């Protein structure tokens, strides 16, 4: 059962407080200086103990039955803290695999999720993706954190229809990729024919995975932009030039006002996408709108934040550049805003 507005607010406060205490900037920087690949697994273990991942599962599987609006709250808070683990992909995959019966049929995968395994999928996922034949080697491109034991979900083609193939990342070939986002790791993963644990053959599962992933990414980008804006607002109040705070100068006031307007637009678009997925109404149009708005807004807000910060915002010592990196990478993953606008026009015209 989805949460009430009051319960959602309590959930936000609980998870936000946890991240504020456990996932601060000092811990983030210690992680960035660690040579080991992947994310902060100790922090992820603490996240799973809170039951955040279990919230995505239905009650009959021992989960919380949370809706996408509820999951978006957790992902938004993770975006504010630049949490590096693939929370959004795990929540997305867990929800979709449960809804299409895969976890009922494969209790070992359910047990892995309950034990703290992450779930991940290619970030070039999209409605125009040409799925590969699982009888051949399948290359999954731009997969976040395919750690050993992770649950990998990949669109494949079976009997002429698109399906989801599920594999466990044990012994799979992975090639590390370099991106702007230093808080996350990405790989190209090759899945041989015999490595599949099973398939979800309903073609609707691929579309739902994509739509849910984009909606939760919009929430993450919103959280990233929110922190960048708040850092900038605080800096404008504290930084003085000519014996006055720079926030008192008209040029800075106007820039902050424009940033705030963009942030509000992103918040509305992200909320509408999550609500559409829960209600099943206008899903495609709402999701494409959310990516178009939040993708551009987060990248623009973080860029403007660096401009207001001046020279300090471009230094390694300041955390702001990490938010810019996350926003710019999110802008392009799961389809660019421009690509989603093409899909939006098609959805509104009834061609999809």
Protein backbone atom coordinates (compact mmCIF):
# COMPACT_ATOMS: atom_id res chain seq x y z
CA UNK A 1 0.00 0.00 0.00
CA UNK A 2 1.37 3.40 -0.96
CA UNK A 3 2.10 5.86 1.81
CA UNK A 4 -0.09 8.76 2.83
CA UNK A 5 1.33 12.25 2.48
CA UNK A 6 2.09 12.28 6.21
CA UNK A 7 3.81 8.89 6.08
CA UNK A 8 5.81 10.01 3.06
CA UNK A 9 6.96 13.08 4.96
CA UNK A 10 8.05 10.90 7.89
CA UNK A 11 9.88 8.60 5.49
CA UNK A 12 11.67 11.57 3.96
CA UNK A 13 12.68 12.87 7.39
CA UNK A 14 13.94 9.45 8.50
CA UNK A 15 16.02 8.72 5.42
CA UNK A 16 17.20 12.31 5.06
CA UNK A 17 18.37 12.34 8.68
CA UNK A 18 20.17 9.02 8.19
CA UNK A 19 22.03 10.32 5.14
CA UNK A 20 22.88 13.59 6.90
CA UNK A 21 24.46 11.63 9.75
CA UNK A 22 26.03 8.75 7.83
CA UNK A 23 26.70 10.05 4.32
CA UNK A 24 28.21 13.49 4.80
CA UNK A 25 30.86 15.18 2.69
CA UNK A 26 33.75 13.79 4.77
CA UNK A 27 32.65 10.22 4.12
CA UNK A 28 32.07 10.97 0.46
CA UNK A 29 35.60 12.29 0.08
CA UNK A 30 37.07 9.30 1.89
CA UNK A 31 35.25 7.08 -0.59
CA UNK A 32 36.59 9.08 -3.55
CA UNK A 33 40.12 8.57 -2.27
CA UNK A 34 39.66 4.80 -1.89
CA UNK A 35 41.25 2.80 -4.72
CA UNK A 36 38.67 0.00 -4.48
CA UNK A 37 36.12 0.10 -7.32
CA UNK A 38 32.40 0.44 -6.79
CA UNK A 39 30.38 2.18 -4.13
CA UNK A 40 30.55 2.48 -0.34
CA UNK A 41 29.30 -0.99 0.53
CA UNK A 42 29.27 -0.40 4.27
CA UNK A 43 26.94 2.55 3.76
CA UNK A 44 24.80 0.46 1.40
CA UNK A 45 24.51 -2.24 4.06
CA UNK A 46 23.20 0.36 6.48
CA UNK A 47 20.72 1.58 3.85
CA UNK A 48 19.36 -1.94 3.34
CA UNK A 49 19.01 -2.41 7.11
CA UNK A 50 16.66 0.56 7.11
CA UNK A 51 14.39 -1.39 4.77
CA UNK A 52 14.54 1.13 1.93
CA UNK A 53 14.92 -1.55 -0.75
CA UNK A 54 12.27 -3.78 0.82
CA UNK A 55 9.84 -0.89 0.57
CA UNK A 56 9.78 -1.44 -3.22
CA UNK A 57 8.50 -5.00 -2.84
CA UNK A 58 4.81 -5.87 -2.40
CA UNK A 59 3.51 -6.85 1.00
CA UNK A 60 2.96 -10.49 -0.03
CA UNK A 61 6.72 -10.75 -0.58
CA UNK A 62 7.51 -9.23 2.78
CA UNK A 63 7.95 -5.70 1.48
CA UNK A 64 6.33 -2.37 2.16
CA UNK A 65 4.27 -2.09 -1.02
CA UNK A 66 5.52 1.44 -1.63
CA UNK A 67 4.50 3.33 -4.74
CA UNK A 68 6.80 5.17 -7.10
CA UNK A 69 5.98 8.44 -5.30
CA UNK A 70 7.29 6.89 -2.08
CA UNK A 71 10.42 5.49 -3.71
CA UNK A 72 11.08 8.86 -5.35
CA UNK A 73 11.36 10.40 -1.89
CA UNK A 74 14.23 8.06 -1.00
CA UNK A 75 15.99 8.61 -4.32
CA UNK A 76 15.62 12.39 -4.05
CA UNK A 77 17.21 12.36 -0.60
CA UNK A 78 20.02 10.16 -1.94
CA UNK A 79 20.54 12.70 -4.73
CA UNK A 80 20.83 15.50 -2.21
CA UNK A 81 23.61 13.59 -0.44
CA UNK A 82 25.26 12.32 -3.67
CA UNK A 83 24.86 8.77 -2.43
CA UNK A 84 26.94 6.69 -4.84
CA UNK A 85 25.27 3.27 -4.63
CA UNK A 86 22.79 2.37 -7.38
CA UNK A 87 19.72 2.94 -5.22
CA UNK A 88 17.50 4.14 -8.06
CA UNK A 89 18.28 1.13 -10.27
CA UNK A 90 17.80 -1.29 -7.37
CA UNK A 91 14.41 0.15 -6.44
CA UNK A 92 13.33 0.23 -10.09
CA UNK A 93 14.33 -3.35 -10.82
CA UNK A 94 12.96 -4.70 -7.55
CA UNK A 95 9.57 -3.10 -8.19
CA UNK A 96 9.31 -4.23 -11.82
CA UNK A 97 10.53 -7.79 -11.21
CA UNK A 98 8.02 -8.17 -8.38
CA UNK A 99 5.13 -6.73 -10.40
CA UNK A 100 5.73 -9.16 -13.26
CA UNK A 101 6.04 -12.23 -11.04
CA UNK A 102 9.75 -12.88 -11.52
CA UNK A 103 10.57 -12.79 -7.82
CA UNK A 104 7.78 -15.28 -7.05
CA UNK A 105 9.24 -17.69 -9.59
CA UNK A 106 12.88 -17.09 -8.58
CA UNK A 107 13.06 -16.95 -4.78
CA UNK A 108 16.86 -16.93 -4.89
CA UNK A 109 16.77 -13.49 -6.55
CA UNK A 110 14.30 -12.26 -3.95
CA UNK A 111 16.56 -13.59 -1.21
CA UNK A 112 19.54 -11.77 -2.75
CA UNK A 113 17.64 -8.47 -2.70
CA UNK A 114 16.61 -9.05 0.90
CA UNK A 115 20.24 -9.77 1.79
CA UNK A 116 21.43 -6.46 0.32
CA UNK A 117 22.28 -7.20 -3.31
CA UNK A 118 22.00 -4.27 -5.68
CA UNK A 119 20.14 -4.44 -8.98
CA UNK A 120 21.34 -2.63 -12.05
CA UNK A 121 20.63 -2.24 -15.77
CA UNK A 122 22.08 -0.45 -18.82
CA UNK A 123 21.76 3.30 -18.80
CA UNK A 124 21.30 3.49 -22.56
CA UNK A 125 17.90 1.91 -21.92
CA UNK A 126 15.15 3.49 -23.98
CA UNK A 127 12.13 2.83 -26.18
CA UNK A 128 14.30 2.77 -29.30
CA UNK A 129 16.85 0.32 -27.89
CA UNK A 130 17.50 -2.60 -30.21
CA UNK A 131 17.38 -5.59 -27.88
CA UNK A 132 19.87 -8.41 -28.43
CA UNK A 133 19.23 -12.14 -28.78
CA UNK A 134 20.08 -13.89 -25.48
CA UNK A 135 21.20 -16.95 -27.47
CA UNK A 136 24.24 -14.84 -28.38
CA UNK A 137 26.56 -12.79 -26.23
CA UNK A 138 24.74 -9.68 -25.02
CA UNK A 139 26.60 -6.43 -24.34
CA UNK A 140 25.01 -4.33 -21.61
CA UNK A 141 26.29 -0.76 -21.99
CA UNK A 142 26.78 1.79 -19.20
CA UNK A 143 25.81 -0.45 -16.31
CA UNK A 144 26.14 1.24 -12.90
CA UNK A 145 28.17 -0.78 -10.40
CA UNK A 146 27.88 -4.38 -11.65
CA UNK A 147 29.51 -5.72 -8.50
CA UNK A 148 29.81 -9.49 -7.90
CA UNK A 149 26.40 -10.72 -6.78
CA UNK A 150 24.52 -7.81 -8.33
CA UNK A 151 21.29 -8.54 -10.20
CA UNK A 152 21.65 -7.45 -13.83
CA UNK A 153 18.49 -6.71 -15.84
CA UNK A 154 18.90 -6.34 -19.62
CA UNK A 155 16.37 -5.92 -22.45
CA UNK A 156 16.60 -8.88 -24.82
CA UNK A 157 14.60 -10.15 -27.77
CA UNK A 158 12.77 -13.48 -27.64
CA UNK A 159 10.44 -14.80 -30.34
CA UNK A 160 10.28 -11.38 -31.93
CA UNK A 161 9.19 -9.59 -28.74
CA UNK A 162 11.19 -7.55 -26.26
CA UNK A 163 11.72 -9.17 -22.88
CA UNK A 164 13.86 -8.66 -19.79
CA UNK A 165 16.77 -10.99 -19.18
CA UNK A 166 18.05 -11.35 -15.62
CA UNK A 167 21.57 -12.48 -14.78
CA UNK A 168 23.71 -12.49 -11.65
CA UNK A 169 27.00 -10.63 -11.95
CA UNK A 170 29.32 -13.51 -11.09
CA UNK A 171 32.22 -14.06 -13.47
CA UNK A 172 30.78 -11.84 -16.19
CA UNK A 173 33.23 -9.82 -18.26
CA UNK A 174 33.10 -6.15 -17.32
CA UNK A 175 35.05 -3.24 -18.79
CA UNK A 176 35.27 -0.16 -16.58
CA UNK A 177 34.19 3.11 -18.19
CA UNK A 178 35.19 6.65 -17.30
CA UNK A 179 32.52 9.33 -16.84
CA UNK A 180 32.34 12.81 -15.34
CA UNK A 181 30.55 11.48 -12.26
CA UNK A 182 33.24 10.52 -9.78
CA UNK A 183 30.72 9.30 -7.20
CA UNK A 184 29.55 6.35 -9.32
CA UNK A 185 31.20 3.68 -11.44
CA UNK A 186 29.98 2.34 -14.79
CA UNK A 187 30.94 -0.70 -16.84
CA UNK A 188 30.15 -2.44 -20.09
CA UNK A 189 29.12 -5.99 -19.16
CA UNK A 190 29.13 -8.99 -21.51
CA UNK A 191 26.58 -11.69 -20.70
CA UNK A 192 27.23 -15.11 -22.31
CA UNK A 193 24.26 -17.25 -23.42
CA UNK A 194 24.37 -19.60 -20.43
CA UNK A 195 24.46 -16.92 -17.73
CA UNK A 196 20.77 -15.96 -17.68
CA UNK A 197 18.88 -16.74 -14.49
CA UNK A 198 15.53 -16.20 -16.18
CA UNK A 199 13.37 -13.91 -18.28
CA UNK A 200 10.34 -11.67 -17.96
CA UNK A 201 8.58 -12.23 -21.27
CA UNK A 202 5.79 -9.66 -20.92
CA UNK A 203 6.75 -6.83 -23.33
CA UNK A 204 5.18 -4.32 -20.95
CA UNK A 205 7.94 -5.00 -18.43
CA UNK A 206 10.57 -3.28 -20.58
CA UNK A 207 8.48 -0.13 -20.93
CA UNK A 208 7.70 -0.08 -17.21
CA UNK A 209 11.37 -0.55 -16.32
CA UNK A 210 12.26 2.39 -18.57
CA UNK A 211 9.49 4.67 -17.31
CA UNK A 212 10.17 3.91 -13.65
CA UNK A 213 13.90 4.39 -14.12
CA UNK A 214 13.41 7.80 -15.74
CA UNK A 215 10.97 8.91 -13.04
CA UNK A 216 13.36 7.96 -10.25
CA UNK A 217 16.28 9.53 -12.09
CA UNK A 218 14.23 12.76 -12.25
CA UNK A 219 13.85 12.59 -8.47
CA UNK A 220 17.59 12.07 -8.04
CA UNK A 221 18.39 15.01 -10.33
CA UNK A 222 15.93 17.14 -8.36
CA UNK A 223 17.72 16.27 -5.13
CA UNK A 224 21.09 17.10 -6.68
CA UNK A 225 19.84 20.47 -7.92
CA UNK A 226 18.20 21.24 -4.56
CA UNK A 227 21.46 20.85 -2.66
CA UNK A 228 23.35 22.90 -5.26
CA UNK A 229 20.79 25.70 -4.93
CA UNK A 230 20.90 25.66 -1.13
CA UNK A 231 24.68 25.73 -1.11
CA UNK A 232 24.57 28.73 -3.44
CA UNK A 233 21.93 30.56 -1.44
CA UNK A 234 23.95 30.12 1.76
CA UNK A 235 27.13 31.23 0.00
CA UNK A 236 25.43 34.36 -1.35
CA UNK A 237 24.44 35.30 2.19
CA UNK A 238 27.91 34.68 3.65
CA UNK A 239 30.27 35.94 0.92
CA UNK A 240 30.93 39.67 1.22
CA UNK A 241 32.25 42.14 -1.31
CA UNK A 242 32.37 45.93 -0.85
CA UNK A 243 31.19 45.46 2.74
CA UNK A 244 27.94 43.68 1.81
CA UNK A 245 26.77 40.15 1.11
CA UNK A 246 26.88 39.35 -2.60
CA UNK A 247 23.30 38.13 -2.33
CA UNK A 248 22.31 41.77 -2.01
CA UNK A 249 23.52 42.60 -5.51
CA UNK A 250 20.77 42.70 -8.12
CA UNK A 251 22.60 40.46 -10.59
CA UNK A 252 22.96 37.71 -7.96
CA UNK A 253 19.36 38.15 -6.81
CA UNK A 254 18.09 37.65 -10.34
CA UNK A 255 20.26 34.60 -10.89
CA UNK A 256 19.09 33.01 -7.64
CA UNK A 257 15.48 33.77 -8.53
CA UNK A 258 15.88 32.09 -11.91
CA UNK A 259 17.51 29.07 -10.25
CA UNK A 260 14.62 28.80 -7.81
CA UNK A 261 12.03 28.95 -10.59
CA UNK A 262 13.79 26.18 -12.49
CA UNK A 263 13.95 24.13 -9.29
CA UNK A 264 10.22 24.50 -8.72
CA UNK A 265 9.48 23.45 -12.30
CA UNK A 266 11.68 20.38 -11.86
CA UNK A 267 9.93 19.50 -8.60
CA UNK A 268 6.48 19.63 -10.22
CA UNK A 269 7.58 17.59 -13.25
CA UNK A 270 9.28 14.90 -11.14
CA UNK A 271 6.27 14.61 -8.83
CA UNK A 272 3.88 14.34 -11.80
CA UNK A 273 5.88 11.48 -13.32
CA UNK A 274 5.89 9.49 -10.09
CA UNK A 275 2.16 10.10 -9.59
CA UNK A 276 1.41 9.04 -13.17
CA UNK A 277 3.21 5.72 -12.67
CA UNK A 278 1.23 5.04 -9.51
CA UNK A 279 -2.08 5.89 -11.16
CA UNK A 280 -1.32 4.49 -14.62
CA UNK A 281 -2.62 7.68 -16.27
CA UNK A 282 -0.59 9.59 -18.90
CA UNK A 283 2.55 7.67 -17.97
CA UNK A 284 4.57 8.18 -21.15
CA UNK A 285 3.84 11.90 -21.48
CA UNK A 286 4.54 12.58 -17.78
CA UNK A 287 7.79 10.62 -17.76
CA UNK A 288 9.15 12.24 -20.93
CA UNK A 289 8.22 15.67 -19.57
CA UNK A 290 10.00 14.92 -16.30
CA UNK A 291 13.24 14.02 -18.05
CA UNK A 292 13.06 17.02 -20.35
CA UNK A 293 12.50 19.43 -17.46
CA UNK A 294 14.65 17.92 -14.69
CA UNK A 295 17.52 16.92 -16.98
CA UNK A 296 17.99 20.45 -18.24
CA UNK A 297 17.09 22.17 -14.96
CA UNK A 298 19.56 20.23 -12.80
CA UNK A 299 22.42 20.77 -15.25
CA UNK A 300 21.61 24.48 -15.55
CA UNK A 301 21.13 25.05 -11.81
CA UNK A 302 24.42 23.39 -10.89
CA UNK A 303 26.21 25.35 -13.62
CA UNK A 304 24.77 28.62 -12.32
CA UNK A 305 25.73 27.60 -8.80
CA UNK A 306 29.35 27.43 -9.86
CA UNK A 307 29.10 30.86 -11.46
CA UNK A 308 27.79 32.41 -8.24
CA UNK A 309 30.48 30.68 -6.19
CA UNK A 310 33.17 32.09 -8.46
CA UNK A 311 36.67 30.62 -8.27
CA UNK A 312 36.05 28.52 -5.14
CA UNK A 313 33.28 26.60 -6.94
CA UNK A 314 35.76 25.24 -9.49
CA UNK A 315 38.23 23.85 -6.97
CA UNK A 316 38.62 20.22 -5.97
CA UNK A 317 38.26 21.18 -2.32
CA UNK A 318 34.70 22.47 -2.78
CA UNK A 319 31.96 19.84 -3.06
CA UNK A 320 29.94 21.74 -5.67
CA UNK A 321 31.75 20.31 -8.69
CA UNK A 322 30.63 16.83 -7.68
CA UNK A 323 27.00 17.95 -7.89
CA UNK A 324 27.62 19.47 -11.31
CA UNK A 325 29.19 16.21 -12.48
CA UNK A 326 26.20 14.15 -11.26
CA UNK A 327 23.69 16.53 -12.88
CA UNK A 328 25.50 16.58 -16.24
CA UNK A 329 25.79 12.80 -16.41
CA UNK A 330 22.16 12.31 -15.38
CA UNK A 331 21.16 14.73 -18.11
CA UNK A 332 22.34 12.24 -20.73
CA UNK A 333 21.74 8.84 -19.12
CA UNK A 334 18.45 7.10 -20.02
CA UNK A 335 18.11 9.43 -23.00
CA UNK A 336 18.84 13.12 -23.42
CA UNK A 337 16.14 15.75 -22.80
CA UNK A 338 15.95 16.32 -26.55
CA UNK A 339 15.35 12.62 -27.20
CA UNK A 340 12.59 12.58 -24.60
CA UNK A 341 10.98 15.63 -26.18
CA UNK A 342 10.72 13.73 -29.46
CA UNK A 343 9.04 10.88 -27.58
CA UNK A 344 6.80 13.38 -25.77
CA UNK A 345 5.51 14.78 -29.05
CA UNK A 346 4.81 11.25 -30.26
CA UNK A 347 2.97 10.40 -27.04
CA UNK A 348 0.84 13.55 -27.15
CA UNK A 349 0.01 13.02 -30.82
CA UNK A 350 -1.15 9.47 -30.18
CA UNK A 351 1.60 7.85 -32.22
CA UNK A 352 2.74 5.74 -29.27
